[in-house]
Amino acid sequence: MNSSDVLFAGNGILALSAAFELIRRSPSTRISIVGPRSRTGAGTSASGAMLNCFAEVTKYTLISEASRAKFAMCRDSLALWPTWLDRVEEAGGLPPVPTKDGTVVLENTVSGDLDSENFDAMIAAAAEFGATHEVTDPRKIAGLAPTPSARPLRALFLPDEGAVESGSFYSTLTAALVARGVAFVDGEVKALIRTADRVTGVLTADGESWSGDTVVVAAGAFTTPILDTVLDPADVQPVFAGAGISLITHRPNARPFDHVVRSVTRAGSCGLHAIPMPDGRDYVGATNLIFAEPRTRTSAGLSHFLLQCAIDQLNHSFSFAEIDEWRIGNRPVSLDTYPLLGRGPLEGLYIATGTYRDGFHNSPLIARIVADDLLGAEDRYEHPFDPTRRPIGSMSVEESVGESSYQAACTGFEASLVLPRLWRHDALPAMFIPGMARMYEDLGVRFGFSPDIVPFLVSGAFSETGSDREAYLRVKSLLQPGQAV
């Protein structure tokens, strides 16, 4: 059995970042990273890697102690990125990683009043925390040419935010680790190895075993089946897959964007965005739909929806764009939508996942947190996201039902829903309330889930079979005590 001091189960951005910080601070540490070289369905591979903090703010961002702690992590990570990028580039020895400075956030009328509410919350947060920002005329944004019906009302420029080319950064980070003697194992982790009350290694799909004094499970949306091999289902809340589709386009004669251009974070907790790339290319993303298991193929409906949004809301020249590549990745989404970060319920087990849309952005800070914990640092970063916690509730049941129904209606409007002229638009959310209320009655909980996760739970509640139904029954069993933090 091959042995290491620290063994990472998973080879995504959190695993590599934590390994880099560990080896930087403790060069003698023996580190191995186990994960498939193909990385099919991984979140980072499909991401636009936006370094967006205030651009991600919604009206829910500051409503609870946990949500404020999560936002603090995003702000602190944004401040770390310049030094972090320099360190990785210097250690990797490859050409500089392409970046794009500045983010422009749009408010238009496509997706209902939620866009305006989140835009206002974004401006308020930027002012409260002293972030440099400027409300600007959308007509002056280079490269923006939407259809008249999707014309933006307001735009916010955030010069300190932007994007990093994820593939290039991942390659540079890999090179930096190889140069420092970190071992990479091309293999899919199928199980953890448990000896008494301690996790001592991993078993790969091809039957190879690898041991480690500490095993860090950082497998993103693929985490829960790995943990299930040694833990009871109630030990750590499940991690689901927020599947997202994106694409790389080529518009050789179009006016390029100068900055990242995106919508506010919308219903379903994702925002339309375009990231300019070299040679007349654009990264366009992204959708978000939560499933019990990771997805590895794009779907026709979501692909059509994403293209329609890009053509209508960003630039009508996307109608003529050549598509170089379709991508699909899976964001790791915990039941309460907060990270799972810290030591597990067994000795030798550490868990780092559940970062949802913030994994790449928060990777420098999470790397520090993991390294602090494993190296026994005295001055550690404080956060409330221990992986063995009960699910955190940030709303009442009534608030969750109301907001989730409202977001469902806004999703319909963005997808070109047209109501009969005699219908009241503000009555549409009421159509979704009964199903959501019945789901909560069935769960028997006294706290509300984030509107991000509610549609997935409702789907599982009313399915008769399938993985979503199995995941729902697991959630129901986990929540039988009916309590949250």
Protein backbone atom coordinates (compact mmCIF):
# COMPACT_ATOMS: atom_id res chain seq x y z
CA MET A 1 0.00 0.00 0.00
CA ASN A 2 1.39 3.41 -1.03
CA SER A 3 1.66 5.76 1.96
CA SER A 4 1.50 9.55 2.44
CA ASP A 5 1.25 12.00 5.30
CA VAL A 6 -1.76 13.68 3.65
CA LEU A 7 -3.84 11.92 1.04
CA PHE A 8 -6.41 13.87 -0.99
CA ALA A 9 -9.45 11.98 -2.27
CA GLY A 10 -10.37 14.16 -5.23
CA ASN A 11 -8.33 16.29 -7.62
CA GLY A 12 -10.42 19.44 -7.99
CA ILE A 13 -9.45 23.02 -7.26
CA LEU A 14 -9.83 22.67 -3.47
CA ALA A 15 -7.63 19.58 -3.28
CA LEU A 16 -4.86 21.10 -5.39
CA SER A 17 -5.04 24.47 -3.64
CA ALA A 18 -4.87 22.93 -0.16
CA ALA A 19 -2.00 20.68 -1.25
CA PHE A 20 -0.10 23.71 -2.58
CA GLU A 21 -0.53 25.66 0.65
CA LEU A 22 0.50 22.61 2.69
CA ILE A 23 3.66 21.92 0.71
CA ARG A 24 4.54 25.62 0.65
CA ARG A 25 4.39 25.86 4.43
CA SER A 26 5.65 22.35 5.19
CA PRO A 27 7.95 21.19 2.36
CA SER A 28 8.72 17.84 4.00
CA THR A 29 5.05 16.74 4.05
CA ARG A 30 4.42 13.73 1.82
CA ILE A 31 1.28 14.46 -0.21
CA SER A 32 -0.63 12.37 -2.73
CA ILE A 33 -3.69 13.40 -4.76
CA VAL A 34 -5.98 10.67 -6.07
CA GLY A 35 -8.48 11.45 -8.82
CA PRO A 36 -9.23 10.63 -12.46
CA ARG A 37 -7.13 12.51 -14.98
CA SER A 38 -10.19 12.97 -17.22
CA ARG A 39 -12.06 14.85 -14.46
CA THR A 40 -15.38 14.25 -16.27
CA GLY A 41 -18.16 16.31 -14.70
CA ALA A 42 -15.82 18.33 -12.45
CA GLY A 43 -16.93 21.82 -11.51
CA THR A 44 -13.69 23.68 -12.25
CA SER A 45 -13.34 22.19 -15.73
CA ALA A 46 -16.60 23.79 -16.85
CA SER A 47 -16.35 27.03 -14.89
CA GLY A 48 -15.66 30.54 -16.05
CA ALA A 49 -13.74 31.02 -12.78
CA MET A 50 -15.16 34.43 -12.02
CA LEU A 51 -13.59 36.21 -9.07
CA ASN A 52 -16.90 37.76 -8.15
CA CYS A 53 -17.82 38.65 -4.59
CA PHE A 54 -20.13 41.68 -4.58
CA ALA A 55 -21.37 40.69 -8.05
CA GLU A 56 -22.82 37.55 -6.40
CA VAL A 57 -24.73 39.40 -3.68
CA THR A 58 -28.47 38.79 -3.44
CA LYS A 59 -31.10 39.99 -1.01
CA TYR A 60 -30.41 36.79 0.99
CA THR A 61 -26.64 37.31 1.38
CA LEU A 62 -26.74 39.06 4.75
CA ILE A 63 -29.95 37.69 6.29
CA SER A 64 -28.35 35.37 8.86
CA GLU A 65 -25.17 34.77 10.82
CA ALA A 66 -24.23 31.86 8.56
CA SER A 67 -24.84 33.78 5.33
CA ARG A 68 -22.77 36.70 6.63
CA ALA A 69 -19.94 34.30 7.52
CA LYS A 70 -20.04 32.86 4.02
CA PHE A 71 -19.93 36.35 2.53
CA ALA A 72 -16.97 37.23 4.75
CA MET A 73 -15.13 34.25 3.28
CA CYS A 74 -15.82 35.57 -0.22
CA ARG A 75 -14.53 39.05 0.66
CA ASP A 76 -11.41 37.67 2.30
CA SER A 77 -10.75 35.36 -0.65
CA LEU A 78 -11.01 38.22 -3.12
CA ALA A 79 -8.30 40.06 -1.20
CA LEU A 80 -6.04 36.99 -1.31
CA TRP A 81 -6.18 36.38 -5.05
CA PRO A 82 -3.44 38.76 -6.32
CA THR A 83 -0.78 37.26 -4.04
CA TRP A 84 -2.15 33.73 -4.53
CA LEU A 85 -1.98 33.99 -8.31
CA ASP A 86 1.59 35.34 -8.17
CA ARG A 87 2.69 32.45 -5.92
CA VAL A 88 1.13 29.79 -8.12
CA GLU A 89 2.53 31.28 -11.33
CA GLU A 90 6.02 31.60 -9.85
CA ALA A 91 5.97 28.02 -8.55
CA GLY A 92 4.42 26.55 -11.72
CA GLY A 93 6.93 28.04 -14.14
CA LEU A 94 4.43 28.22 -17.02
CA PRO A 95 3.30 31.24 -19.07
CA PRO A 96 1.13 33.73 -17.14
CA VAL A 97 -2.44 32.66 -16.50
CA PRO A 98 -4.89 34.72 -18.61
CA THR A 99 -7.07 36.97 -16.49
CA LYS A 100 -9.72 39.58 -17.10
CA ASP A 101 -10.03 42.57 -14.79
CA GLY A 102 -13.34 44.17 -13.92
CA THR A 103 -16.92 42.94 -13.83
CA VAL A 104 -20.03 44.70 -15.14
CA VAL A 105 -23.33 43.55 -13.64
CA LEU A 106 -26.55 44.21 -15.54
CA GLU A 107 -30.13 44.68 -14.41
CA ASN A 108 -32.73 44.13 -17.11
CA THR A 109 -36.45 43.31 -17.18
CA VAL A 110 -36.16 39.72 -18.42
CA SER A 111 -36.44 37.84 -15.14
CA GLY A 112 -38.94 39.67 -12.95
CA ASP A 113 -38.59 41.95 -9.94
CA LEU A 114 -36.05 39.67 -8.26
CA ASP A 115 -33.34 41.12 -10.51
CA SER A 116 -34.04 44.63 -9.23
CA GLU A 117 -34.12 43.49 -5.61
CA ASN A 118 -30.78 41.72 -5.96
CA PHE A 119 -29.26 44.66 -7.85
CA ASP A 120 -30.25 47.01 -5.03
CA ALA A 121 -28.82 44.58 -2.45
CA MET A 122 -25.56 44.44 -4.40
CA ILE A 123 -25.18 48.23 -4.40
CA ALA A 124 -26.04 48.42 -0.70
CA ALA A 125 -23.48 45.74 0.19
CA ALA A 126 -20.76 47.41 -1.88
CA ALA A 127 -21.41 50.69 -0.09
CA GLU A 128 -21.59 49.07 3.37
CA PHE A 129 -18.30 47.21 3.00
CA GLY A 130 -16.40 49.90 1.09
CA ALA A 131 -16.01 48.05 -2.22
CA THR A 132 -15.08 50.22 -5.18
CA HIS A 133 -18.13 50.40 -7.45
CA GLU A 134 -19.77 52.64 -10.01
CA VAL A 135 -23.33 52.69 -11.30
CA THR A 136 -22.89 53.34 -15.00
CA ASP A 137 -24.87 53.80 -18.21
CA PRO A 138 -25.43 50.36 -19.80
CA ARG A 139 -25.27 51.97 -23.26
CA LYS A 140 -21.58 52.67 -22.71
CA ILE A 141 -20.59 49.06 -22.05
CA ALA A 142 -18.26 47.84 -24.79
CA GLY A 143 -19.54 44.77 -26.62
CA LEU A 144 -23.04 44.87 -25.13
CA ALA A 145 -25.74 44.76 -27.83
CA PRO A 146 -28.87 43.00 -26.54
CA THR A 147 -32.18 42.76 -28.32
CA PRO A 148 -34.44 45.75 -27.59
CA SER A 149 -36.76 43.66 -25.38
CA ALA A 150 -33.83 42.74 -23.11
CA ARG A 151 -32.30 46.20 -22.89
CA PRO A 152 -30.64 46.73 -19.47
CA LEU A 153 -31.95 49.38 -17.09
CA ARG A 154 -28.85 49.78 -14.91
CA ALA A 155 -25.28 48.54 -14.77
CA LEU A 156 -22.75 48.32 -11.95
CA PHE A 157 -19.00 48.28 -12.58
CA LEU A 158 -16.82 46.47 -10.03
CA PRO A 159 -13.18 47.10 -11.03
CA ASP A 160 -11.69 44.83 -8.35
CA GLU A 161 -13.51 41.73 -9.56
CA GLY A 162 -13.04 39.75 -12.77
CA ALA A 163 -12.06 36.26 -13.89
CA VAL A 164 -9.16 33.81 -14.14
CA GLU A 165 -8.93 31.28 -16.98
CA SER A 166 -9.67 28.11 -15.06
CA GLY A 167 -7.96 25.56 -17.32
CA SER A 168 -4.71 27.51 -17.47
CA PHE A 169 -4.71 28.10 -13.72
CA TYR A 170 -5.37 24.42 -13.00
CA SER A 171 -2.47 23.41 -15.27
CA THR A 172 -0.12 25.89 -13.60
CA LEU A 173 -1.17 24.75 -10.14
CA THR A 174 -0.60 21.13 -11.16
CA ALA A 175 2.87 21.97 -12.46
CA ALA A 176 3.69 23.74 -9.19
CA LEU A 177 2.71 20.66 -7.19
CA VAL A 178 4.62 18.24 -9.41
CA ALA A 179 7.73 20.41 -9.09
CA ARG A 180 7.48 20.08 -5.31
CA GLY A 181 7.16 16.32 -5.30
CA VAL A 182 3.41 15.94 -4.82
CA ALA A 183 2.27 12.62 -6.28
CA PHE A 184 -0.73 12.46 -8.62
CA VAL A 185 -2.61 9.17 -8.91
CA ASP A 186 -4.89 8.69 -11.93
CA GLY A 187 -7.74 6.78 -10.37
CA GLU A 188 -11.36 7.19 -9.30
CA VAL A 189 -11.81 6.97 -5.54
CA LYS A 190 -14.55 4.42 -4.86
CA ALA A 191 -14.23 3.97 -1.11
CA LEU A 192 -12.44 5.07 2.02
CA ILE A 193 -10.53 2.53 4.07
CA ARG A 194 -11.53 2.42 7.73
CA THR A 195 -9.52 0.75 10.48
CA ALA A 196 -11.45 0.76 13.79
CA ASP A 197 -12.48 4.41 14.31
CA ARG A 198 -9.94 5.87 11.91
CA VAL A 199 -9.83 6.52 8.17
CA THR A 200 -6.50 5.25 6.89
CA GLY A 201 -6.70 5.43 3.10
CA VAL A 202 -8.67 5.12 -0.12
CA LEU A 203 -9.53 2.38 -2.57
CA THR A 204 -9.70 3.19 -6.28
CA ALA A 205 -11.99 1.72 -8.92
CA ASP A 206 -9.16 -0.42 -10.31
CA GLY A 207 -8.55 -2.01 -6.91
CA GLU A 208 -5.46 -0.03 -5.88
CA SER A 209 -5.22 1.10 -2.25
CA TRP A 210 -3.46 4.22 -1.00
CA SER A 211 -2.89 5.11 2.63
CA GLY A 212 -2.51 8.41 4.45
CA ASP A 213 -2.14 9.60 8.01
CA THR A 214 -4.86 12.13 7.13
CA VAL A 215 -7.34 11.65 4.30
CA VAL A 216 -8.85 14.85 2.94
CA VAL A 217 -12.07 14.18 1.03
CA ALA A 218 -12.34 17.03 -1.45
CA ALA A 219 -14.25 15.34 -4.24
CA GLY A 220 -16.79 18.07 -4.97
CA ALA A 221 -20.18 16.83 -6.11
CA PHE A 222 -18.86 13.25 -6.00
CA THR A 223 -18.27 13.39 -2.23
CA THR A 224 -21.28 11.69 -0.63
CA PRO A 225 -20.88 8.18 -2.15
CA ILE A 226 -17.26 8.20 -0.93
CA LEU A 227 -18.20 9.20 2.63
CA ASP A 228 -21.02 6.65 2.67
CA THR A 229 -18.47 3.83 2.54
CA VAL A 230 -17.38 4.55 6.14
CA LEU A 231 -20.00 6.88 7.67
CA ASP A 232 -23.66 6.60 8.57
CA PRO A 233 -25.92 8.80 6.39
CA ALA A 234 -26.74 11.04 9.36
CA ASP A 235 -23.07 11.77 10.18
CA VAL A 236 -22.60 14.38 7.45
CA GLN A 237 -25.36 16.03 5.43
CA PRO A 238 -25.44 14.96 1.77
CA VAL A 239 -23.81 16.85 -1.07
CA PHE A 240 -25.79 17.15 -4.30
CA ALA A 241 -24.79 18.19 -7.81
CA GLY A 242 -25.56 21.66 -9.12
CA ALA A 243 -25.16 20.83 -12.81
CA GLY A 244 -24.21 23.74 -15.03
CA ILE A 245 -23.80 24.07 -18.79
CA SER A 246 -21.41 26.53 -20.45
CA LEU A 247 -19.85 26.95 -23.86
CA ILE A 248 -16.91 28.51 -25.68
CA THR A 249 -17.86 30.54 -28.74
CA HIS A 250 -15.95 32.25 -31.52
CA ARG A 251 -17.11 35.65 -32.84
CA PRO A 252 -14.15 36.86 -34.96
CA ASN A 253 -15.76 40.08 -36.25
CA ALA A 254 -17.78 41.08 -33.19
CA ARG A 255 -16.87 43.91 -30.83
CA PRO A 256 -15.40 42.12 -27.79
CA PHE A 257 -16.31 42.79 -24.18
CA ASP A 258 -13.69 44.71 -22.20
CA HIS A 259 -14.69 43.10 -18.91
CA VAL A 260 -16.70 40.22 -17.53
CA VAL A 261 -20.33 41.07 -18.30
CA ARG A 262 -23.04 39.32 -16.34
CA SER A 263 -26.54 39.53 -14.96
CA VAL A 264 -27.29 39.65 -11.26
CA THR A 265 -27.60 36.29 -9.51
CA ARG A 266 -31.06 35.11 -10.45
CA ALA A 267 -33.69 32.59 -9.50
CA GLY A 268 -32.01 29.22 -9.30
CA SER A 269 -28.94 31.04 -8.03
CA CYS A 270 -26.99 31.49 -11.19
CA GLY A 271 -26.30 34.47 -13.39
CA LEU A 272 -25.85 34.74 -17.14
CA HIS A 273 -22.30 35.80 -17.92
CA ALA A 274 -19.79 36.25 -20.72
CA ILE A 275 -16.04 36.27 -20.18
CA PRO A 276 -13.90 37.56 -23.07
CA MET A 277 -11.05 35.25 -24.08
CA PRO A 278 -8.19 35.66 -26.59
CA ASP A 279 -8.69 35.36 -30.36
CA GLY A 280 -12.28 36.52 -30.55
CA ARG A 281 -13.61 33.84 -28.24
CA ASP A 282 -16.04 34.12 -25.32
CA TYR A 283 -16.85 31.89 -22.40
CA VAL A 284 -20.65 31.93 -21.97
CA GLY A 285 -22.32 30.50 -18.87
CA ALA A 286 -24.09 29.21 -17.03
CA THR A 287 -27.12 27.21 -16.02
CA ASN A 288 -27.77 25.66 -12.62
CA LEU A 289 -30.05 22.74 -11.88
CA ILE A 290 -29.62 20.55 -8.80
CA PHE A 291 -29.66 16.75 -9.07
CA ALA A 292 -28.97 13.92 -6.68
CA GLU A 293 -26.07 12.71 -8.83
CA PRO A 294 -23.58 14.52 -11.09
CA ARG A 295 -24.45 14.98 -14.75
CA THR A 296 -21.88 14.41 -17.51
CA ARG A 297 -23.86 15.33 -20.64
CA THR A 298 -25.45 18.58 -21.70
CA SER A 299 -29.21 18.69 -22.21
CA ALA A 300 -31.04 20.10 -25.23
CA GLY A 301 -33.41 22.28 -23.22
CA LEU A 302 -30.80 23.96 -21.04
CA SER A 303 -28.45 24.39 -24.00
CA HIS A 304 -31.19 26.15 -25.94
CA PHE A 305 -32.04 28.29 -22.91
CA LEU A 306 -28.43 29.41 -22.40
CA LEU A 307 -27.98 30.33 -26.07
CA GLN A 308 -31.26 32.22 -26.09
CA CYS A 309 -30.19 34.21 -23.03
CA ALA A 310 -26.80 35.09 -24.53
CA ILE A 311 -28.33 36.19 -27.85
CA ASP A 312 -31.13 38.22 -26.28
CA GLN A 313 -29.43 39.72 -23.24
CA LEU A 314 -25.72 40.09 -24.11
CA ASN A 315 -25.19 40.48 -27.85
CA HIS A 316 -27.35 39.43 -30.79
CA SER A 317 -24.15 38.48 -32.66
CA PHE A 318 -24.10 35.29 -30.61
CA SER A 319 -26.71 34.12 -33.16
CA PHE A 320 -23.84 33.77 -35.62
CA ALA A 321 -21.17 32.58 -33.20
CA GLU A 322 -19.27 29.40 -33.94
CA ILE A 323 -19.42 26.99 -31.00
CA ASP A 324 -15.99 25.58 -30.22
CA GLU A 325 -16.94 23.59 -27.14
CA TRP A 326 -19.82 22.67 -24.84
CA ARG A 327 -18.97 22.08 -21.18
CA ILE A 328 -20.84 20.62 -18.24
CA GLY A 329 -19.71 20.65 -14.62
CA ASN A 330 -21.22 19.91 -11.23
CA ARG A 331 -21.09 22.29 -8.30
CA PRO A 332 -21.07 20.61 -4.86
CA VAL A 333 -24.26 21.72 -3.07
CA SER A 334 -24.84 20.74 0.54
CA LEU A 335 -28.38 20.40 1.89
CA ASP A 336 -28.20 23.79 3.60
CA THR A 337 -26.08 25.28 0.73
CA TYR A 338 -23.19 26.13 3.07
CA PRO A 339 -19.65 24.66 2.92
CA LEU A 340 -18.62 21.48 4.72
CA LEU A 341 -15.17 22.31 6.00
CA GLY A 342 -13.24 20.67 8.81
CA ARG A 343 -12.46 17.39 10.53
CA GLY A 344 -14.93 14.57 10.07
CA PRO A 345 -16.50 12.29 12.68
CA LEU A 346 -13.69 9.73 12.37
CA GLU A 347 -10.02 10.19 13.21
CA GLY A 348 -7.86 10.85 10.19
CA LEU A 349 -10.76 12.22 8.12
CA TYR A 350 -10.98 15.81 6.88
CA ILE A 351 -13.76 17.11 4.63
CA ALA A 352 -13.61 20.08 2.24
CA THR A 353 -16.60 20.43 -0.09
CA GLY A 354 -20.09 21.94 -0.36
CA THR A 355 -18.78 25.25 -1.73
CA TYR A 356 -21.57 25.54 -4.34
CA ARG A 357 -20.65 28.41 -6.72
CA ASP A 358 -17.78 29.71 -4.59
CA GLY A 359 -15.23 26.88 -4.82
CA PHE A 360 -12.79 28.45 -7.25
CA HIS A 361 -13.21 31.95 -5.84
CA ASN A 362 -12.70 30.81 -2.24
CA SER A 363 -9.91 28.32 -2.96
CA PRO A 364 -7.04 30.49 -1.60
CA LEU A 365 -8.79 30.94 1.75
CA ILE A 366 -9.97 27.33 1.98
CA ALA A 367 -6.39 26.23 1.26
CA ARG A 368 -5.27 28.30 4.24
CA ILE A 369 -8.02 26.87 6.46
CA VAL A 370 -7.13 23.28 5.58
CA ALA A 371 -3.41 23.90 6.05
CA ASP A 372 -3.98 25.66 9.38
CA ASP A 373 -6.03 22.73 10.65
CA LEU A 374 -3.66 20.00 9.49
CA LEU A 375 -0.52 21.80 10.63
CA GLY A 376 -1.97 22.81 13.99
CA ALA A 377 -1.64 26.56 13.48
CA GLU A 378 -2.55 28.70 16.46
CA ASP A 379 -4.14 31.59 14.55
CA ARG A 380 -6.87 29.82 12.57
CA TYR A 381 -9.61 31.29 10.42
CA GLU A 382 -12.93 31.07 12.26
CA HIS A 383 -16.03 29.85 10.44
CA PRO A 384 -19.26 28.02 11.40
CA PHE A 385 -19.17 25.34 8.69
CA ASP A 386 -18.03 22.23 10.53
CA PRO A 387 -19.05 19.23 8.39
CA THR A 388 -20.68 17.37 11.27
CA ARG A 389 -23.14 20.19 12.07
CA ARG A 390 -26.88 19.93 11.77
CA PRO A 391 -28.24 21.66 8.63
CA ILE A 392 -28.37 25.43 9.06
CA GLY A 393 -31.74 27.08 8.51
CA SER A 394 -31.72 30.74 7.45
CA MET A 395 -35.48 31.21 6.95
CA SER A 396 -38.77 30.17 8.42
CA VAL A 397 -40.83 27.60 6.52
CA GLU A 398 -43.27 30.32 5.46
CA GLU A 399 -40.47 32.56 4.20
CA SER A 400 -38.89 29.69 2.29
CA VAL A 401 -42.17 28.73 0.61
CA GLY A 402 -42.91 32.34 -0.30
CA GLU A 403 -39.46 33.11 -1.69
CA SER A 404 -39.16 29.78 -3.52
CA SER A 405 -42.54 30.28 -5.20
CA TYR A 406 -41.56 33.82 -6.16
CA GLN A 407 -38.29 32.60 -7.67
CA ALA A 408 -40.09 29.86 -9.58
CA ALA A 409 -42.24 32.51 -11.24
CA CYS A 410 -39.18 34.63 -12.09
CA THR A 411 -37.52 31.59 -13.67
CA GLY A 412 -40.58 31.18 -15.86
CA PHE A 413 -40.40 34.78 -17.06
CA GLU A 414 -36.71 34.44 -17.98
CA ALA A 415 -37.61 31.30 -19.96
CA SER A 416 -40.10 33.34 -22.06
CA LEU A 417 -43.26 32.43 -20.16
CA VAL A 418 -46.21 34.45 -21.51
CA LEU A 419 -49.39 34.58 -19.44
CA PRO A 420 -52.88 35.20 -20.79
CA ARG A 421 -53.55 38.94 -20.88
CA LEU A 422 -56.32 38.66 -18.27
CA TRP A 423 -54.06 36.94 -15.72
CA ARG A 424 -52.33 38.87 -12.97
CA HIS A 425 -48.58 38.33 -13.09
CA ASP A 426 -48.24 38.81 -9.34
CA ALA A 427 -50.60 35.87 -8.79
CA LEU A 428 -48.33 33.39 -10.58
CA PRO A 429 -46.23 32.43 -7.51
CA ALA A 430 -49.37 31.13 -5.80
CA MET A 431 -49.45 28.28 -8.31
CA PHE A 432 -46.25 26.84 -6.80
CA ILE A 433 -47.13 27.21 -3.13
CA PRO A 434 -49.24 24.04 -2.57
CA GLY A 435 -46.52 21.62 -3.71
CA MET A 436 -43.86 23.33 -1.64
CA ALA A 437 -46.09 23.47 1.43
CA ARG A 438 -46.88 19.75 1.09
CA MET A 439 -43.18 18.95 0.86
CA TYR A 440 -42.52 20.80 4.14
CA GLU A 441 -45.45 19.04 5.80
CA ASP A 442 -44.00 15.71 4.75
CA LEU A 443 -40.52 16.60 6.07
CA GLY A 444 -41.94 17.86 9.36
CA VAL A 445 -39.23 20.49 9.90
CA ARG A 446 -39.58 23.81 11.68
CA PHE A 447 -37.04 25.73 9.58
CA GLY A 448 -36.89 26.70 5.93
CA PHE A 449 -34.36 25.72 3.28
CA SER A 450 -32.73 28.09 0.80
CA PRO A 451 -34.83 28.70 -2.33
CA ASP A 452 -31.88 27.22 -4.26
CA ILE A 453 -32.50 23.73 -2.90
CA VAL A 454 -36.31 23.73 -2.58
CA PRO A 455 -37.14 22.84 -6.25
CA PHE A 456 -34.86 19.80 -5.98
CA LEU A 457 -36.52 18.67 -2.74
CA VAL A 458 -40.00 19.17 -4.22
CA SER A 459 -39.00 17.08 -7.24
CA GLY A 460 -37.84 14.27 -4.97
CA ALA A 461 -40.90 14.54 -2.75
CA PHE A 462 -43.29 13.90 -5.64
CA SER A 463 -41.18 11.40 -7.62
CA GLU A 464 -42.07 7.75 -7.24
CA THR A 465 -38.65 6.31 -8.07
CA GLY A 466 -35.16 7.38 -9.10
CA SER A 467 -32.10 8.96 -7.53
CA ASP A 468 -33.88 12.23 -6.65
CA ARG A 469 -36.52 10.25 -4.73
CA GLU A 470 -33.83 8.29 -2.90
CA ALA A 471 -32.03 11.52 -2.02
CA TYR A 472 -35.26 13.03 -0.70
CA LEU A 473 -35.93 10.03 1.53
CA ARG A 474 -32.41 10.33 2.86
CA VAL A 475 -33.00 14.00 3.66
CA LYS A 476 -36.28 13.12 5.37
CA SER A 477 -34.54 10.54 7.52
CA LEU A 478 -31.75 12.99 8.39
CA LEU A 479 -34.26 15.63 9.48
CA GLN A 480 -36.48 13.45 11.64
CA PRO A 481 -35.41 15.32 14.79
CA GLY A 482 -36.81 18.42 13.08
CA GLN A 483 -34.03 20.70 14.25
CA ALA A 484 -31.40 22.94 12.69
CA VAL A 485 -28.65 25.18 13.98
